[in-house]
């Protein structure tokens, strides 16, 4: 059965998904807190617009991966509550995706902020 939604309905459901993720996913809240401090540091160090763009895309990538992880975990729990190796693999792989993305974000942050931090000591 096809439901024809309006654009407004689509945005409403999308925001509900974001709010659900923020409400029930502690890791996502941590990512948002880190993102807030990255933005504050960006202003403090006066990063270039290009660097800010890279940081912004990196933040969005981590947040989106965390939300995909949440969706996979919720869907896996819907399919089966019993301990199954396939469910564990799905959850572990999606958690690994977030971990790798977060490590990449730290590397990007170090590469962007390190020259600015070193400049403070010159």
PDB file of N, CA and C in Angstrom:
ATOM      1  N   UNK A   1       0.836  -1.172   0.000  1.00  0.00           N
ATOM      2  CA  UNK A   1       0.000   0.000   0.000  1.00  0.00           C
ATOM      3  C   UNK A   1       0.889   1.247   0.000  1.00  0.00           C
ATOM      4  N   UNK A   2       0.668   2.125  -0.927  1.00  0.00           N
ATOM      5  CA  UNK A   2       1.473   3.328  -1.074  1.00  0.00           C
ATOM      6  C   UNK A   2       0.785   4.483  -0.354  1.00  0.00           C
ATOM      7  N   UNK A   3       1.558   5.147   0.505  1.00  0.00           N
ATOM      8  CA  UNK A   3       1.053   6.334   1.190  1.00  0.00           C
ATOM      9  C   UNK A   3       1.656   7.555   0.516  1.00  0.00           C
ATOM     10  N   UNK A   4       0.792   8.452   0.091  1.00  0.00           N
ATOM     11  CA  UNK A   4       1.271   9.685  -0.521  1.00  0.00           C
ATOM     12  C   UNK A   4       1.388  10.739   0.569  1.00  0.00           C
ATOM     13  N   UNK A   5       2.622  11.096   0.877  1.00  0.00           N
ATOM     14  CA  UNK A   5       2.877  12.090   1.910  1.00  0.00           C
ATOM     15  C   UNK A   5       3.222  13.423   1.278  1.00  0.00           C
ATOM     16  N   UNK A   6       2.939  14.441   2.028  1.00  0.00           N
ATOM     17  CA  UNK A   6       3.345  15.766   1.583  1.00  0.00           C
ATOM     18  C   UNK A   6       4.805  15.983   1.972  1.00  0.00           C
ATOM     19  N   UNK A   7       5.391  16.994   1.402  1.00  0.00           N
ATOM     20  CA  UNK A   7       6.767  17.344   1.743  1.00  0.00           C
ATOM     21  C   UNK A   7       6.863  17.695   3.229  1.00  0.00           C
ATOM     22  N   UNK A   8       5.845  18.380   3.730  1.00  0.00           N
ATOM     23  CA  UNK A   8       5.824  18.737   5.148  1.00  0.00           C
ATOM     24  C   UNK A   8       5.799  17.491   6.027  1.00  0.00           C
ATOM     25  N   UNK A   9       5.012  16.474   5.623  1.00  0.00           N
ATOM     26  CA  UNK A   9       4.983  15.210   6.367  1.00  0.00           C
ATOM     27  C   UNK A   9       6.364  14.560   6.387  1.00  0.00           C
ATOM     28  N   UNK A  10       7.045  14.589   5.256  1.00  0.00           N
ATOM     29  CA  UNK A  10       8.380  13.989   5.171  1.00  0.00           C
ATOM     30  C   UNK A  10       9.351  14.669   6.129  1.00  0.00           C
ATOM     31  N   UNK A  11       9.312  16.002   6.172  1.00  0.00           N
ATOM     32  CA  UNK A  11      10.176  16.729   7.103  1.00  0.00           C
ATOM     33  C   UNK A  11       9.801  16.424   8.550  1.00  0.00           C
ATOM     34  N   UNK A  12       8.508  16.332   8.820  1.00  0.00           N
ATOM     35  CA  UNK A  12       8.040  16.030  10.176  1.00  0.00           C
ATOM     36  C   UNK A  12       8.588  14.682  10.628  1.00  0.00           C
ATOM     37  N   UNK A  13       8.476  13.673   9.778  1.00  0.00           N
ATOM     38  CA  UNK A  13       8.980  12.341  10.129  1.00  0.00           C
ATOM     39  C   UNK A  13      10.504  12.343  10.280  1.00  0.00           C
ATOM     40  N   UNK A  14      11.179  13.102   9.438  1.00  0.00           N
ATOM     41  CA  UNK A  14      12.640  13.188   9.539  1.00  0.00           C
ATOM     42  C   UNK A  14      13.052  13.801  10.877  1.00  0.00           C
ATOM     43  N   UNK A  15      12.383  14.879  11.280  1.00  0.00           N
ATOM     44  CA  UNK A  15      12.706  15.495  12.569  1.00  0.00           C
ATOM     45  C   UNK A  15      12.356  14.576  13.731  1.00  0.00           C
ATOM     46  N   UNK A  16      11.279  13.805  13.594  1.00  0.00           N
ATOM     47  CA  UNK A  16      10.940  12.819  14.626  1.00  0.00           C
ATOM     48  C   UNK A  16      12.062  11.790  14.765  1.00  0.00           C
ATOM     49  N   UNK A  17      12.640  11.381  13.641  1.00  0.00           N
ATOM     50  CA  UNK A  17      13.759  10.439  13.671  1.00  0.00           C
ATOM     51  C   UNK A  17      14.984  11.021  14.350  1.00  0.00           C
ATOM     52  N   UNK A  18      15.267  12.286  14.064  1.00  0.00           N
ATOM     53  CA  UNK A  18      16.404  12.948  14.705  1.00  0.00           C
ATOM     54  C   UNK A  18      16.170  13.051  16.210  1.00  0.00           C
ATOM     55  N   UNK A  19      14.968  13.471  16.597  1.00  0.00           N
ATOM     56  CA  UNK A  19      14.657  13.609  18.025  1.00  0.00           C
ATOM     57  C   UNK A  19      14.684  12.263  18.739  1.00  0.00           C
ATOM     58  N   UNK A  20      14.169  11.212  18.083  1.00  0.00           N
ATOM     59  CA  UNK A  20      14.233   9.871  18.674  1.00  0.00           C
ATOM     60  C   UNK A  20      15.686   9.488  18.919  1.00  0.00           C
ATOM     61  N   UNK A  21      16.516   9.704  17.913  1.00  0.00           N
ATOM     62  CA  UNK A  21      17.932   9.346  18.029  1.00  0.00           C
ATOM     63  C   UNK A  21      18.605  10.111  19.161  1.00  0.00           C
ATOM     64  N   UNK A  22      18.311  11.397  19.262  1.00  0.00           N
ATOM     65  CA  UNK A  22      18.909  12.197  20.334  1.00  0.00           C
ATOM     66  C   UNK A  22      18.400  11.770  21.708  1.00  0.00           C
ATOM     67  N   UNK A  23      17.120  11.421  21.781  1.00  0.00           N
ATOM     68  CA  UNK A  23      16.520  11.054  23.065  1.00  0.00           C
ATOM     69  C   UNK A  23      17.046   9.720  23.576  1.00  0.00           C
ATOM     70  N   UNK A  24      17.214   8.752  22.688  1.00  0.00           N
ATOM     71  CA  UNK A  24      17.512   7.388  23.114  1.00  0.00           C
ATOM     72  C   UNK A  24      18.933   6.920  22.816  1.00  0.00           C
ATOM     73  N   UNK A  25      19.742   7.755  22.189  1.00  0.00           N
ATOM     74  CA  UNK A  25      21.087   7.330  21.828  1.00  0.00           C
ATOM     75  C   UNK A  25      22.111   8.239  22.506  1.00  0.00           C
ATOM     76  N   UNK A  26      22.687   7.741  23.575  1.00  0.00           N
ATOM     77  CA  UNK A  26      23.672   8.515  24.332  1.00  0.00           C
ATOM     78  C   UNK A  26      24.877   8.880  23.469  1.00  0.00           C
ATOM     79  N   UNK A  27      25.316   7.954  22.629  1.00  0.00           N
ATOM     80  CA  UNK A  27      26.477   8.230  21.776  1.00  0.00           C
ATOM     81  C   UNK A  27      26.217   9.399  20.835  1.00  0.00           C
ATOM     82  N   UNK A  28      24.995   9.486  20.307  1.00  0.00           N
ATOM     83  CA  UNK A  28      24.673  10.598  19.415  1.00  0.00           C
ATOM     84  C   UNK A  28      24.717  11.919  20.175  1.00  0.00           C
ATOM     85  N   UNK A  29      24.221  11.915  21.401  1.00  0.00           N
ATOM     86  CA  UNK A  29      24.294  13.135  22.212  1.00  0.00           C
ATOM     87  C   UNK A  29      25.756  13.533  22.444  1.00  0.00           C
ATOM     88  N   UNK A  30      26.605  12.555  22.670  1.00  0.00           N
ATOM     89  CA  UNK A  30      28.037  12.840  22.846  1.00  0.00           C
ATOM     90  C   UNK A  30      28.617  13.439  21.566  1.00  0.00           C
ATOM     91  N   UNK A  31      28.245  12.876  20.412  1.00  0.00           N
ATOM     92  CA  UNK A  31      28.729  13.417  19.135  1.00  0.00           C
ATOM     93  C   UNK A  31      28.290  14.876  18.967  1.00  0.00           C
ATOM     94  N   UNK A  32      27.049  15.188  19.357  1.00  0.00           N
ATOM     95  CA  UNK A  32      26.566  16.565  19.248  1.00  0.00           C
ATOM     96  C   UNK A  32      27.332  17.498  20.183  1.00  0.00           C
ATOM     97  N   UNK A  33      27.648  17.033  21.377  1.00  0.00           N
ATOM     98  CA  UNK A  33      28.427  17.849  22.319  1.00  0.00           C
ATOM     99  C   UNK A  33      29.826  18.104  21.762  1.00  0.00           C
ATOM    100  N   UNK A  34      30.463  17.057  21.240  1.00  0.00           N
ATOM    101  CA  UNK A  34      31.788  17.216  20.631  1.00  0.00           C
ATOM    102  C   UNK A  34      31.704  18.182  19.448  1.00  0.00           C
ATOM    103  N   UNK A  35      30.667  18.037  18.625  1.00  0.00           N
ATOM    104  CA  UNK A  35      30.491  18.927  17.471  1.00  0.00           C
ATOM    105  C   UNK A  35      30.364  20.381  17.921  1.00  0.00           C
ATOM    106  N   UNK A  36      29.637  20.609  19.004  1.00  0.00           N
ATOM    107  CA  UNK A  36      29.488  21.961  19.543  1.00  0.00           C
ATOM    108  C   UNK A  36      30.859  22.548  19.889  1.00  0.00           C
ATOM    109  N   UNK A  37      31.696  21.765  20.570  1.00  0.00           N
ATOM    110  CA  UNK A  37      33.022  22.257  20.947  1.00  0.00           C
ATOM    111  C   UNK A  37      33.936  22.426  19.732  1.00  0.00           C
ATOM    112  N   UNK A  38      33.770  21.590  18.725  1.00  0.00           N
ATOM    113  CA  UNK A  38      34.541  21.753  17.485  1.00  0.00           C
ATOM    114  C   UNK A  38      34.169  23.070  16.817  1.00  0.00           C
ATOM    115  N   UNK A  39      32.885  23.395  16.812  1.00  0.00           N
ATOM    116  CA  UNK A  39      32.443  24.658  16.212  1.00  0.00           C
ATOM    117  C   UNK A  39      32.991  25.842  17.011  1.00  0.00           C
ATOM    118  N   UNK A  40      32.942  25.743  18.337  1.00  0.00           N
ATOM    119  CA  UNK A  40      33.513  26.805  19.185  1.00  0.00           C
ATOM    120  C   UNK A  40      35.010  26.961  18.891  1.00  0.00           C
ATOM    121  N   UNK A  41      35.733  25.850  18.804  1.00  0.00           N
ATOM    122  CA  UNK A  41      37.169  25.898  18.499  1.00  0.00           C
ATOM    123  C   UNK A  41      37.409  26.494  17.117  1.00  0.00           C
ATOM    124  N   UNK A  42      36.533  26.190  16.169  1.00  0.00           N
ATOM    125  CA  UNK A  42      36.667  26.732  14.812  1.00  0.00           C
ATOM    126  C   UNK A  42      36.569  28.250  14.815  1.00  0.00           C
ATOM    127  N   UNK A  43      35.648  28.759  15.612  1.00  0.00           N
ATOM    128  CA  UNK A  43      35.501  30.214  15.723  1.00  0.00           C
ATOM    129  C   UNK A  43      36.721  30.809  16.433  1.00  0.00           C
ATOM    130  N   UNK A  44      37.141  30.177  17.517  1.00  0.00           N
ATOM    131  CA  UNK A  44      38.288  30.668  18.288  1.00  0.00           C
ATOM    132  C   UNK A  44      39.552  30.730  17.430  1.00  0.00           C
ATOM    133  N   UNK A  45      39.801  29.660  16.672  1.00  0.00           N
ATOM    134  CA  UNK A  45      41.022  29.596  15.867  1.00  0.00           C
ATOM    135  C   UNK A  45      40.870  30.253  14.495  1.00  0.00           C
ATOM    136  N   UNK A  46      39.679  30.749  14.211  1.00  0.00           N
ATOM    137  CA  UNK A  46      39.409  31.413  12.932  1.00  0.00           C
ATOM    138  C   UNK A  46      39.825  30.529  11.753  1.00  0.00           C
ATOM    139  N   UNK A  47      39.288  29.313  11.731  1.00  0.00           N
ATOM    140  CA  UNK A  47      39.605  28.409  10.623  1.00  0.00           C
ATOM    141  C   UNK A  47      39.053  28.990   9.331  1.00  0.00           C
ATOM    142  N   UNK A  48      39.632  28.583   8.229  1.00  0.00           N
ATOM    143  CA  UNK A  48      39.200  29.083   6.926  1.00  0.00           C
ATOM    144  C   UNK A  48      37.820  28.514   6.586  1.00  0.00           C
ATOM    145  N   UNK A  49      37.108  29.159   5.670  1.00  0.00           N
ATOM    146  CA  UNK A  49      35.817  28.604   5.245  1.00  0.00           C
ATOM    147  C   UNK A  49      35.946  27.175   4.706  1.00  0.00           C
ATOM    148  N   UNK A  50      37.037  26.898   4.003  1.00  0.00           N
ATOM    149  CA  UNK A  50      37.250  25.542   3.493  1.00  0.00           C
ATOM    150  C   UNK A  50      37.400  24.549   4.643  1.00  0.00           C
ATOM    151  N   UNK A  51      38.215  24.921   5.634  1.00  0.00           N
ATOM    152  CA  UNK A  51      38.389  24.047   6.802  1.00  0.00           C
ATOM    153  C   UNK A  51      37.062  23.848   7.539  1.00  0.00           C
ATOM    154  N   UNK A  52      36.282  24.925   7.668  1.00  0.00           N
ATOM    155  CA  UNK A  52      34.977  24.813   8.325  1.00  0.00           C
ATOM    156  C   UNK A  52      34.065  23.886   7.537  1.00  0.00           C
ATOM    157  N   UNK A  53      34.139  23.960   6.221  1.00  0.00           N
ATOM    158  CA  UNK A  53      33.344  23.057   5.385  1.00  0.00           C
ATOM    159  C   UNK A  53      33.735  21.605   5.599  1.00  0.00           C
ATOM    160  N   UNK A  54      35.032  21.350   5.650  1.00  0.00           N
ATOM    161  CA  UNK A  54      35.519  19.986   5.898  1.00  0.00           C
ATOM    162  C   UNK A  54      35.055  19.502   7.269  1.00  0.00           C
ATOM    163  N   UNK A  55      35.171  20.357   8.278  1.00  0.00           N
ATOM    164  CA  UNK A  55      34.723  19.983   9.625  1.00  0.00           C
ATOM    165  C   UNK A  55      33.215  19.726   9.648  1.00  0.00           C
ATOM    166  N   UNK A  56      32.460  20.579   8.963  1.00  0.00           N
ATOM    167  CA  UNK A  56      31.006  20.412   8.917  1.00  0.00           C
ATOM    168  C   UNK A  56      30.592  19.103   8.268  1.00  0.00           C
ATOM    169  N   UNK A  57      31.207  18.787   7.138  1.00  0.00           N
ATOM    170  CA  UNK A  57      30.900  17.525   6.454  1.00  0.00           C
ATOM    171  C   UNK A  57      31.309  16.339   7.322  1.00  0.00           C
ATOM    172  N   UNK A  58      32.441  16.454   7.988  1.00  0.00           N
ATOM    173  CA  UNK A  58      32.911  15.379   8.866  1.00  0.00           C
ATOM    174  C   UNK A  58      31.949  15.164  10.028  1.00  0.00           C
ATOM    175  N   UNK A  59      31.490  16.252  10.636  1.00  0.00           N
ATOM    176  CA  UNK A  59      30.513  16.151  11.722  1.00  0.00           C
ATOM    177  C   UNK A  59      29.242  15.474  11.223  1.00  0.00           C
ATOM    178  N   UNK A  60      28.745  15.919  10.076  1.00  0.00           N
ATOM    179  CA  UNK A  60      27.528  15.315   9.521  1.00  0.00           C
ATOM    180  C   UNK A  60      27.717  13.835   9.223  1.00  0.00           C
ATOM    181  N   UNK A  61      28.877  13.466   8.736  1.00  0.00           N
ATOM    182  CA  UNK A  61      29.153  12.062   8.431  1.00  0.00           C
ATOM    183  C   UNK A  61      29.087  11.204   9.694  1.00  0.00           C
ATOM    184  N   UNK A  62      29.702  11.671  10.766  1.00  0.00           N
ATOM    185  CA  UNK A  62      29.681  10.914  12.022  1.00  0.00           C
ATOM    186  C   UNK A  62      28.258  10.814  12.558  1.00  0.00           C
ATOM    187  N   UNK A  63      27.531  11.927  12.558  1.00  0.00           N
ATOM    188  CA  UNK A  63      26.156  11.929  13.068  1.00  0.00           C
ATOM    189  C   UNK A  63      25.272  11.009  12.231  1.00  0.00           C
ATOM    190  N   UNK A  64      25.404  11.077  10.912  1.00  0.00           N
ATOM    191  CA  UNK A  64      24.596  10.210  10.042  1.00  0.00           C
ATOM    192  C   UNK A  64      24.929   8.737  10.259  1.00  0.00           C
ATOM    193  N   UNK A  65      26.199   8.416  10.406  1.00  0.00           N
ATOM    194  CA  UNK A  65      26.575   7.020  10.667  1.00  0.00           C
ATOM    195  C   UNK A  65      26.012   6.542  11.998  1.00  0.00           C
ATOM    196  N   UNK A  66      26.025   7.402  13.000  1.00  0.00           N
ATOM    197  CA  UNK A  66      25.454   7.027  14.301  1.00  0.00           C
ATOM    198  C   UNK A  66      23.950   6.789  14.177  1.00  0.00           C
ATOM    199  N   UNK A  67      23.284   7.598  13.368  1.00  0.00           N
ATOM    200  CA  UNK A  67      21.839   7.407  13.175  1.00  0.00           C
ATOM    201  C   UNK A  67      21.549   6.137  12.371  1.00  0.00           C
ATOM    202  N   UNK A  68      22.378   5.830  11.383  1.00  0.00           N
ATOM    203  CA  UNK A  68      22.234   4.567  10.651  1.00  0.00           C
ATOM    204  C   UNK A  68      22.433   3.401  11.611  1.00  0.00           C
ATOM    205  N   UNK A  69      23.422   3.508  12.479  1.00  0.00           N
ATOM    206  CA  UNK A  69      23.672   2.477  13.482  1.00  0.00           C
ATOM    207  C   UNK A  69      22.440   2.278  14.366  1.00  0.00           C
ATOM    208  N   UNK A  70      21.840   3.372  14.804  1.00  0.00           N
ATOM    209  CA  UNK A  70      20.631   3.289  15.626  1.00  0.00           C
ATOM    210  C   UNK A  70      19.507   2.600  14.861  1.00  0.00           C
ATOM    211  N   UNK A  71      19.327   2.966  13.596  1.00  0.00           N
ATOM    212  CA  UNK A  71      18.276   2.344  12.787  1.00  0.00           C
ATOM    213  C   UNK A  71      18.515   0.848  12.628  1.00  0.00           C
ATOM    214  N   UNK A  72      19.753   0.459  12.385  1.00  0.00           N
ATOM    215  CA  UNK A  72      20.080  -0.967  12.240  1.00  0.00           C
ATOM    216  C   UNK A  72      19.831  -1.707  13.547  1.00  0.00           C
ATOM    217  N   UNK A  73      20.235  -1.120  14.661  1.00  0.00           N
ATOM    218  CA  UNK A  73      20.002  -1.765  15.958  1.00  0.00           C
ATOM    219  C   UNK A  73      18.514  -1.916  16.244  1.00  0.00           C
ATOM    220  N   UNK A  74      17.737  -0.867  15.993  1.00  0.00           N
ATOM    221  CA  UNK A  74      16.287  -0.930  16.237  1.00  0.00           C
ATOM    222  C   UNK A  74      15.621  -1.963  15.332  1.00  0.00           C
ATOM    223  N   UNK A  75      16.005  -1.984  14.060  1.00  0.00           N
ATOM    224  CA  UNK A  75      15.414  -2.938  13.119  1.00  0.00           C
ATOM    225  C   UNK A  75      15.802  -4.364  13.490  1.00  0.00           C
ATOM    226  N   UNK A  76      17.037  -4.558  13.897  1.00  0.00           N
ATOM    227  CA  UNK A  76      17.490  -5.886  14.314  1.00  0.00           C
ATOM    228  C   UNK A  76      16.709  -6.355  15.533  1.00  0.00           C
ATOM    229  N   UNK A  77      16.487  -5.455  16.497  1.00  0.00           N
ATOM    230  CA  UNK A  77      15.705  -5.813  17.683  1.00  0.00           C
ATOM    231  C   UNK A  77      14.251  -6.111  17.327  1.00  0.00           C
ATOM    232  N   UNK A  78      13.732  -5.437  16.305  1.00  0.00           N
ATOM    233  CA  UNK A  78      12.362  -5.705  15.858  1.00  0.00           C
ATOM    234  C   UNK A  78      12.250  -7.098  15.251  1.00  0.00           C
ATOM    235  N   UNK A  79      13.265  -7.486  14.505  1.00  0.00           N
ATOM    236  CA  UNK A  79      13.249  -8.785  13.823  1.00  0.00           C
ATOM    237  C   UNK A  79      13.410  -9.927  14.809  1.00  0.00           C
ATOM    238  N   UNK A  80      14.329  -9.775  15.758  1.00  0.00           N
ATOM    239  CA  UNK A  80      14.547 -10.855  16.728  1.00  0.00           C
ATOM    240  C   UNK A  80      15.046 -10.293  18.048  1.00  0.00           C
ATOM    241  N   UNK A  81      14.470 -10.796  19.130  1.00  0.00           N
ATOM    242  CA  UNK A  81      14.937 -10.428  20.472  1.00  0.00           C
ATOM    243  C   UNK A  81      15.909 -11.479  21.009  1.00  0.00           C
ATOM    244  N   UNK A  82      15.878 -12.662  20.403  1.00  0.00           N
ATOM    245  CA  UNK A  82      16.771 -13.721  20.874  1.00  0.00           C
ATOM    246  C   UNK A  82      18.190 -13.471  20.374  1.00  0.00           C
ATOM    247  N   UNK A  83      19.141 -14.051  21.095  1.00  0.00           N
ATOM    248  CA  UNK A  83      20.545 -13.880  20.710  1.00  0.00           C
ATOM    249  C   UNK A  83      20.822 -14.726  19.473  1.00  0.00           C
ATOM    250  N   UNK A  84      21.093 -14.053  18.368  1.00  0.00           N
ATOM    251  CA  UNK A  84      21.436 -14.742  17.123  1.00  0.00           C
ATOM    252  C   UNK A  84      22.724 -14.139  16.594  1.00  0.00           C
ATOM    253  N   UNK A  85      23.561 -14.991  16.059  1.00  0.00           N
ATOM    254  CA  UNK A  85      24.859 -14.553  15.551  1.00  0.00           C
ATOM    255  C   UNK A  85      24.695 -13.515  14.439  1.00  0.00           C
ATOM    256  N   UNK A  86      23.695 -13.703  13.570  1.00  0.00           N
ATOM    257  CA  UNK A  86      23.480 -12.756  12.466  1.00  0.00           C
ATOM    258  C   UNK A  86      23.114 -11.364  12.990  1.00  0.00           C
ATOM    259  N   UNK A  87      22.299 -11.323  14.036  1.00  0.00           N
ATOM    260  CA  UNK A  87      21.921 -10.035  14.625  1.00  0.00           C
ATOM    261  C   UNK A  87      23.144  -9.365  15.251  1.00  0.00           C
ATOM    262  N   UNK A  88      23.947 -10.155  15.923  1.00  0.00           N
ATOM    263  CA  UNK A  88      25.175  -9.632  16.536  1.00  0.00           C
ATOM    264  C   UNK A  88      26.103  -9.062  15.471  1.00  0.00           C
ATOM    265  N   UNK A  89      26.247  -9.785  14.377  1.00  0.00           N
ATOM    266  CA  UNK A  89      27.120  -9.319  13.293  1.00  0.00           C
ATOM    267  C   UNK A  89      26.613  -7.993  12.737  1.00  0.00           C
ATOM    268  N   UNK A  90      25.300  -7.901  12.485  1.00  0.00           N
ATOM    269  CA  UNK A  90      24.729  -6.657  11.949  1.00  0.00           C
ATOM    270  C   UNK A  90      25.001  -5.486  12.887  1.00  0.00           C
ATOM    271  N   UNK A  91      24.784  -5.701  14.178  1.00  0.00           N
ATOM    272  CA  UNK A  91      25.009  -4.635  15.154  1.00  0.00           C
ATOM    273  C   UNK A  91      26.492  -4.296  15.281  1.00  0.00           C
ATOM    274  N   UNK A  92      27.341  -5.308  15.304  1.00  0.00           N
ATOM    275  CA  UNK A  92      28.780  -5.068  15.434  1.00  0.00           C
ATOM    276  C   UNK A  92      29.343  -4.340  14.218  1.00  0.00           C
ATOM    277  N   UNK A  93      28.892  -4.727  13.035  1.00  0.00           N
ATOM    278  CA  UNK A  93      29.378  -4.073  11.813  1.00  0.00           C
ATOM    279  C   UNK A  93      28.947  -2.610  11.792  1.00  0.00           C
ATOM    280  N   UNK A  94      27.692  -2.343  12.163  1.00  0.00           N
ATOM    281  CA  UNK A  94      27.242  -0.948  12.149  1.00  0.00           C
ATOM    282  C   UNK A  94      27.953  -0.130  13.230  1.00  0.00           C
ATOM    283  N   UNK A  95      28.228  -0.740  14.375  1.00  0.00           N
ATOM    284  CA  UNK A  95      29.001  -0.043  15.411  1.00  0.00           C
ATOM    285  C   UNK A  95      30.427   0.209  14.926  1.00  0.00           C
ATOM    286  N   UNK A  96      30.990  -0.752  14.202  1.00  0.00           N
ATOM    287  CA  UNK A  96      32.322  -0.578  13.626  1.00  0.00           C
ATOM    288  C   UNK A  96      32.363   0.569  12.636  1.00  0.00           C
ATOM    289  N   UNK A  97      31.278   0.733  11.869  1.00  0.00           N
ATOM    290  CA  UNK A  97      31.183   1.844  10.925  1.00  0.00           C
ATOM    291  C   UNK A  97      31.297   3.174  11.669  1.00  0.00           C
ATOM    292  N   UNK A  98      30.584   3.284  12.777  1.00  0.00           N
ATOM    293  CA  UNK A  98      30.628   4.519  13.561  1.00  0.00           C
ATOM    294  C   UNK A  98      32.023   4.732  14.144  1.00  0.00           C
ATOM    295  N   UNK A  99      32.625   3.667  14.637  1.00  0.00           N
ATOM    296  CA  UNK A  99      33.969   3.780  15.212  1.00  0.00           C
ATOM    297  C   UNK A  99      34.975   4.269  14.172  1.00  0.00           C
ATOM    298  N   UNK A 100      34.962   3.659  12.992  1.00  0.00           N
ATOM    299  CA  UNK A 100      35.901   4.075  11.939  1.00  0.00           C
ATOM    300  C   UNK A 100      35.657   5.520  11.515  1.00  0.00           C
ATOM    301  N   UNK A 101      34.400   5.895  11.396  1.00  0.00           N
ATOM    302  CA  UNK A 101      34.069   7.271  11.019  1.00  0.00           C
ATOM    303  C   UNK A 101      34.533   8.248  12.092  1.00  0.00           C
ATOM    304  N   UNK A 102      34.352   7.870  13.353  1.00  0.00           N
ATOM    305  CA  UNK A 102      34.785   8.730  14.460  1.00  0.00           C
ATOM    306  C   UNK A 102      36.303   8.873  14.489  1.00  0.00           C
ATOM    307  N   UNK A 103      37.012   7.783  14.247  1.00  0.00           N
ATOM    308  CA  UNK A 103      38.478   7.846  14.178  1.00  0.00           C
ATOM    309  C   UNK A 103      38.901   8.766  13.036  1.00  0.00           C
ATOM    310  N   UNK A 104      38.245   8.627  11.896  1.00  0.00           N
ATOM    311  CA  UNK A 104      38.529   9.513  10.766  1.00  0.00           C
ATOM    312  C   UNK A 104      38.266  10.968  11.111  1.00  0.00           C
ATOM    313  N   UNK A 105      37.198  11.220  11.866  1.00  0.00           N
ATOM    314  CA  UNK A 105      36.871  12.590  12.267  1.00  0.00           C
ATOM    315  C   UNK A 105      37.945  13.165  13.189  1.00  0.00           C
ATOM    316  N   UNK A 106      38.460  12.346  14.084  1.00  0.00           N
ATOM    317  CA  UNK A 106      39.538  12.802  14.969  1.00  0.00           C
ATOM    318  C   UNK A 106      40.773  13.152  14.144  1.00  0.00           C
ATOM    319  N   UNK A 107      41.090  12.323  13.168  1.00  0.00           N
ATOM    320  CA  UNK A 107      42.248  12.592  12.299  1.00  0.00           C
ATOM    321  C   UNK A 107      42.054  13.906  11.551  1.00  0.00           C
ATOM    322  N   UNK A 108      40.857  14.108  10.994  1.00  0.00           N
ATOM    323  CA  UNK A 108      40.559  15.367  10.296  1.00  0.00           C
ATOM    324  C   UNK A 108      40.704  16.546  11.255  1.00  0.00           C
ATOM    325  N   UNK A 109      40.164  16.397  12.464  1.00  0.00           N
ATOM    326  CA  UNK A 109      40.267  17.466  13.455  1.00  0.00           C
ATOM    327  C   UNK A 109      41.702  17.797  13.805  1.00  0.00           C
ATOM    328  N   UNK A 110      42.518  16.772  14.003  1.00  0.00           N
ATOM    329  CA  UNK A 110      43.937  16.994  14.321  1.00  0.00           C
ATOM    330  C   UNK A 110      44.628  17.705  13.159  1.00  0.00           C
ATOM    331  N   UNK A 111      44.381  17.254  11.940  1.00  0.00           N
ATOM    332  CA  UNK A 111      45.021  17.873  10.774  1.00  0.00           C
ATOM    333  C   UNK A 111      44.621  19.335  10.609  1.00  0.00           C
ATOM    334  N   UNK A 112      43.374  19.651  10.926  1.00  0.00           N
ATOM    335  CA  UNK A 112      42.917  21.036  10.770  1.00  0.00           C
ATOM    336  C   UNK A 112      43.355  21.909  11.943  1.00  0.00           C
ATOM    337  N   UNK A 113      43.220  21.404  13.159  1.00  0.00           N
ATOM    338  CA  UNK A 113      43.489  22.245  14.327  1.00  0.00           C
ATOM    339  C   UNK A 113      44.962  22.299  14.736  1.00  0.00           C
ATOM    340  N   UNK A 114      45.735  21.287  14.420  1.00  0.00           N
ATOM    341  CA  UNK A 114      47.132  21.247  14.861  1.00  0.00           C
ATOM    342  C   UNK A 114      47.918  22.492  14.445  1.00  0.00           C
ATOM    343  N   UNK A 115      47.859  22.923  13.191  1.00  0.00           N
ATOM    344  CA  UNK A 115      48.608  24.139  12.831  1.00  0.00           C
ATOM    345  C   UNK A 115      48.152  25.366  13.628  1.00  0.00           C
ATOM    346  N   UNK A 116      46.859  25.456  13.905  1.00  0.00           N
ATOM    347  CA  UNK A 116      46.335  26.591  14.670  1.00  0.00           C
ATOM    348  C   UNK A 116      46.813  26.535  16.121  1.00  0.00           C
ATOM    349  N   UNK A 117      46.826  25.346  16.701  1.00  0.00           N
ATOM    350  CA  UNK A 117      47.292  25.177  18.083  1.00  0.00           C
ATOM    351  C   UNK A 117      48.785  25.477  18.168  1.00  0.00           C
ATOM    352  N   UNK A 118      49.561  24.957  17.221  1.00  0.00           N
ATOM    353  CA  UNK A 118      51.007  25.216  17.218  1.00  0.00           C
ATOM    354  C   UNK A 118      51.310  26.701  17.074  1.00  0.00           C
ATOM    355  N   UNK A 119      50.469  27.409  16.335  1.00  0.00           N
ATOM    356  CA  UNK A 119      50.648  28.852  16.139  1.00  0.00           C
ATOM    357  C   UNK A 119      50.560  29.608  17.467  1.00  0.00           C
ATOM    358  N   UNK A 120      49.794  29.079  18.413  1.00  0.00           N
ATOM    359  CA  UNK A 120      49.671  29.715  19.731  1.00  0.00           C
ATOM    360  C   UNK A 120      50.994  29.732  20.483  1.00  0.00           C
ATOM    361  N   UNK A 121      51.853  28.766  20.196  1.00  0.00           N
ATOM    362  CA  UNK A 121      53.113  28.623  20.926  1.00  0.00           C
ATOM    363  C   UNK A 121      54.301  29.235  20.195  1.00  0.00           C
ATOM    364  N   UNK A 122      54.057  29.933  19.132  1.00  0.00           N
ATOM    365  CA  UNK A 122      55.150  30.567  18.381  1.00  0.00           C
ATOM    366  C   UNK A 122      55.307  32.011  18.763  1.00  0.00           C
TER     367      UNK A 122
END
